[in-house]
Amino acid sequence: MNYEEHVLLGLGTYPLFVLLAYILSNYLPLKLTFPSLILGYAFYVLGSDLPDIDHPDSLIHRGIKPIFSVILGSIVAVKVYPYLNVKYALVVSWIVGGAFALIGWFLFSAMMPRHRGIIHSVLFAVIYGIVVFFAVKYGTSLSNGEAYLVGFASFMGYLLHLIADKSVKLL
C-alpha cells in the first residue's frame, strides 16, 4: 500500500476504533472524551503510515526528516549558547546548530533500518503507543484515562498499517 491508501484506511476505520474503545472502556481505564478522541484520531492516522518511516522515498520519511533536523539544530543552538563568551554568541550558536541540523539530515536516513525491518513490528507499535501515552500524560492536561485512550489509539493505528501490509510480526 502507498501513503494515501494507508492514511485513507486510518481516516476511515477510526470510527471502528471508537466502537472498540467504547466497548473496552467497560473493562479498561479508557476515558472517551472529545479531546482524547480528537487527539487519538490524529495519532491513529499518523500511526497508520508511521511504519513506512524506514523507507527513504516515503512521504512520512521525507516529512519527518527536516523536522528532526530542525529540532536537532535548534536544541544544539540553545544548549551551546550559554557556553559561548564571544561578541556574536547568538550567531555562532546558530552556526553550530545549523551544522548539527545538516549532520542530522544525513544521519536520519543512515540510522533507519531496512524497509519492513524492525520498525514494521508489533514491538514498535507498542513503543509508539507508550511514547504517545507518556507525551499526553505529561505534556497535556488530559487525565490518565484520556491518555490511555490516546496511547491505545496510537498503537491500534500503527497495528492497522502492519495488518494492511500483511506484515504483522513481533520483531
Protein backbone atom coordinates (compact mmCIF):
# COMPACT_ATOMS: atom_id res chain seq x y z
CA MET A 1 0.00 0.00 0.00
CA ASN A 2 1.08 3.57 -0.52
CA TYR A 3 0.87 6.66 1.69
CA GLU A 4 -2.57 7.74 0.54
CA GLU A 5 -4.07 4.27 0.95
CA HIS A 6 -2.66 3.89 4.47
CA VAL A 7 -3.89 7.32 5.56
CA LEU A 8 -7.34 6.84 4.00
CA LEU A 9 -7.59 3.48 5.76
CA GLY A 10 -6.73 5.21 9.05
CA LEU A 11 -9.23 8.01 8.44
CA GLY A 12 -11.99 5.57 7.52
CA THR A 13 -11.50 2.95 10.23
CA TYR A 14 -11.24 5.28 13.23
CA PRO A 15 -14.99 5.04 13.94
CA LEU A 16 -14.49 1.27 14.34
CA PHE A 17 -11.72 2.01 16.81
CA VAL A 18 -14.07 4.33 18.73
CA LEU A 19 -16.61 1.50 18.92
CA LEU A 20 -13.93 -0.93 20.17
CA ALA A 21 -12.69 1.61 22.74
CA TYR A 22 -16.26 2.27 23.88
CA ILE A 23 -16.79 -1.45 24.49
CA LEU A 24 -13.39 -1.87 26.17
CA SER A 25 -13.96 1.17 28.40
CA ASN A 26 -16.23 -1.07 30.48
CA TYR A 27 -13.18 -3.19 31.34
CA LEU A 28 -10.17 -0.87 30.90
CA PRO A 29 -9.50 2.63 32.26
CA LEU A 30 -10.13 4.30 28.88
CA LYS A 31 -11.85 7.67 29.09
CA LEU A 32 -13.61 8.65 25.88
CA THR A 33 -13.95 12.43 25.73
CA PHE A 34 -13.90 14.66 22.69
CA PRO A 35 -10.38 15.97 23.45
CA SER A 36 -9.00 12.42 23.86
CA LEU A 37 -10.86 11.15 20.80
CA ILE A 38 -9.69 14.06 18.62
CA LEU A 39 -6.07 13.64 19.74
CA GLY A 40 -6.47 9.88 19.41
CA TYR A 41 -7.69 10.35 15.84
CA ALA A 42 -4.56 12.33 14.95
CA PHE A 43 -2.19 9.75 16.44
CA TYR A 44 -4.22 6.85 14.98
CA VAL A 45 -3.95 8.28 11.45
CA LEU A 46 -0.27 9.16 11.95
CA GLY A 47 0.31 5.61 13.15
CA SER A 48 -1.45 4.25 10.07
CA ASP A 49 1.51 5.43 7.98
CA LEU A 50 4.33 5.74 10.54
CA PRO A 51 5.87 2.29 9.94
CA ASP A 52 6.94 3.49 6.49
CA ILE A 53 9.32 6.00 8.08
CA ASP A 54 12.09 3.48 7.31
CA HIS A 55 11.55 3.85 3.54
CA PRO A 56 13.59 6.81 2.20
CA ASP A 57 11.08 7.54 -0.59
CA SER A 58 8.01 7.53 1.68
CA LEU A 59 6.22 10.79 2.35
CA ILE A 60 6.41 10.31 6.11
CA HIS A 61 10.20 9.79 5.95
CA ARG A 62 10.64 12.87 3.77
CA GLY A 63 8.34 14.90 6.05
CA ILE A 64 9.85 13.95 9.39
CA LYS A 65 13.47 14.17 8.21
CA PRO A 66 13.53 18.01 8.02
CA ILE A 67 11.54 18.32 11.26
CA PHE A 68 14.08 16.07 13.00
CA SER A 69 16.93 18.16 11.56
CA VAL A 70 15.39 21.47 12.68
CA ILE A 71 14.70 20.15 16.18
CA LEU A 72 18.25 18.79 16.50
CA GLY A 73 19.83 22.03 15.21
CA SER A 74 17.65 24.16 17.49
CA ILE A 75 18.42 22.10 20.58
CA VAL A 76 22.16 22.29 19.87
CA ALA A 77 21.99 26.07 19.30
CA VAL A 78 20.14 26.62 22.59
CA LYS A 79 22.49 24.33 24.54
CA VAL A 80 25.69 25.79 23.05
CA TYR A 81 24.75 29.46 23.51
CA PRO A 82 25.38 29.73 27.29
CA TYR A 83 28.93 28.42 26.86
CA LEU A 84 29.95 30.98 24.27
CA ASN A 85 31.70 34.06 25.52
CA VAL A 86 32.09 35.91 22.25
CA LYS A 87 30.61 39.08 20.80
CA TYR A 88 28.36 37.25 18.33
CA ALA A 89 27.40 34.33 20.60
CA LEU A 90 23.85 34.15 19.24
CA VAL A 91 25.07 33.92 15.65
CA VAL A 92 27.80 31.42 16.50
CA SER A 93 25.36 29.21 18.40
CA TRP A 94 23.10 29.09 15.33
CA ILE A 95 26.05 28.34 13.06
CA VAL A 96 26.85 25.36 15.28
CA GLY A 97 23.15 24.43 15.42
CA GLY A 98 22.89 24.67 11.64
CA ALA A 99 25.89 22.37 11.23
CA PHE A 100 24.23 19.82 13.51
CA ALA A 101 20.97 20.17 11.57
CA LEU A 102 22.85 19.29 8.37
CA ILE A 103 24.53 16.35 10.07
CA GLY A 104 21.14 15.26 11.42
CA TRP A 105 19.70 15.33 7.90
CA PHE A 106 22.17 12.68 6.74
CA LEU A 107 22.16 10.70 9.99
CA PHE A 108 18.37 10.37 9.93
CA SER A 109 18.39 8.16 6.84
CA ALA A 110 21.57 6.37 7.89
CA MET A 111 20.02 5.42 11.25
CA MET A 112 16.96 3.85 9.64
CA PRO A 113 16.95 0.06 9.41
CA ARG A 114 15.98 -1.68 6.19
CA HIS A 115 12.40 -1.23 4.98
CA ARG A 116 9.94 -3.58 6.67
CA GLY A 117 12.55 -4.48 9.24
CA ILE A 118 12.14 -3.98 12.98
CA ILE A 119 10.12 -0.77 12.57
CA HIS A 120 7.44 -2.87 10.84
CA SER A 121 6.77 -4.84 14.03
CA VAL A 122 4.30 -5.11 16.87
CA LEU A 123 7.17 -4.15 19.20
CA PHE A 124 7.38 -0.72 17.58
CA ALA A 125 3.58 -0.41 17.66
CA VAL A 126 3.79 -0.92 21.43
CA ILE A 127 6.67 1.57 21.72
CA TYR A 128 4.72 4.14 19.70
CA GLY A 129 1.66 3.69 21.92
CA ILE A 130 3.71 4.01 25.11
CA VAL A 131 5.61 7.10 23.91
CA VAL A 132 2.36 8.81 22.92
CA PHE A 133 0.73 7.84 26.24
CA PHE A 134 3.56 9.46 28.23
CA ALA A 135 3.63 12.51 25.93
CA VAL A 136 -0.09 13.04 26.51
CA LYS A 137 0.04 12.23 30.23
CA TYR A 138 2.90 14.63 30.98
CA GLY A 139 2.52 17.10 28.11
CA THR A 140 -1.18 17.91 28.35
CA SER A 141 -3.82 18.46 31.00
CA LEU A 142 -5.74 15.32 29.98
CA SER A 143 -6.47 12.69 32.62
CA ASN A 144 -4.79 9.29 32.82
CA GLY A 145 -7.84 7.62 31.28
CA GLU A 146 -7.74 10.03 28.37
CA ALA A 147 -4.00 9.45 27.93
CA TYR A 148 -4.63 5.69 27.92
CA LEU A 149 -7.19 6.18 25.17
CA VAL A 150 -4.78 8.22 23.03
CA GLY A 151 -1.94 5.73 23.58
CA PHE A 152 -4.23 2.84 22.68
CA ALA A 153 -5.41 4.67 19.54
CA SER A 154 -1.78 5.23 18.56
CA PHE A 155 -0.98 1.54 19.00
CA MET A 156 -4.04 0.47 17.02
CA GLY A 157 -3.32 2.88 14.14
CA TYR A 158 0.23 1.54 13.88
CA LEU A 159 -1.08 -2.04 14.05
CA LEU A 160 -3.56 -1.20 11.28
CA HIS A 161 -0.64 -0.38 8.99
CA LEU A 162 1.02 -3.72 9.74
CA ILE A 163 -2.22 -5.61 9.07
CA ALA A 164 -2.81 -3.72 5.82
CA ASP A 165 0.73 -4.59 4.67
CA LYS A 166 0.13 -8.23 5.70
CA SER A 167 3.36 -7.87 7.66
CA VAL A 168 2.45 -8.49 11.31
CA LYS A 169 5.48 -9.76 13.20
CA LEU A 170 6.61 -9.38 16.79
CA LEU A 171 10.15 -8.17 15.97
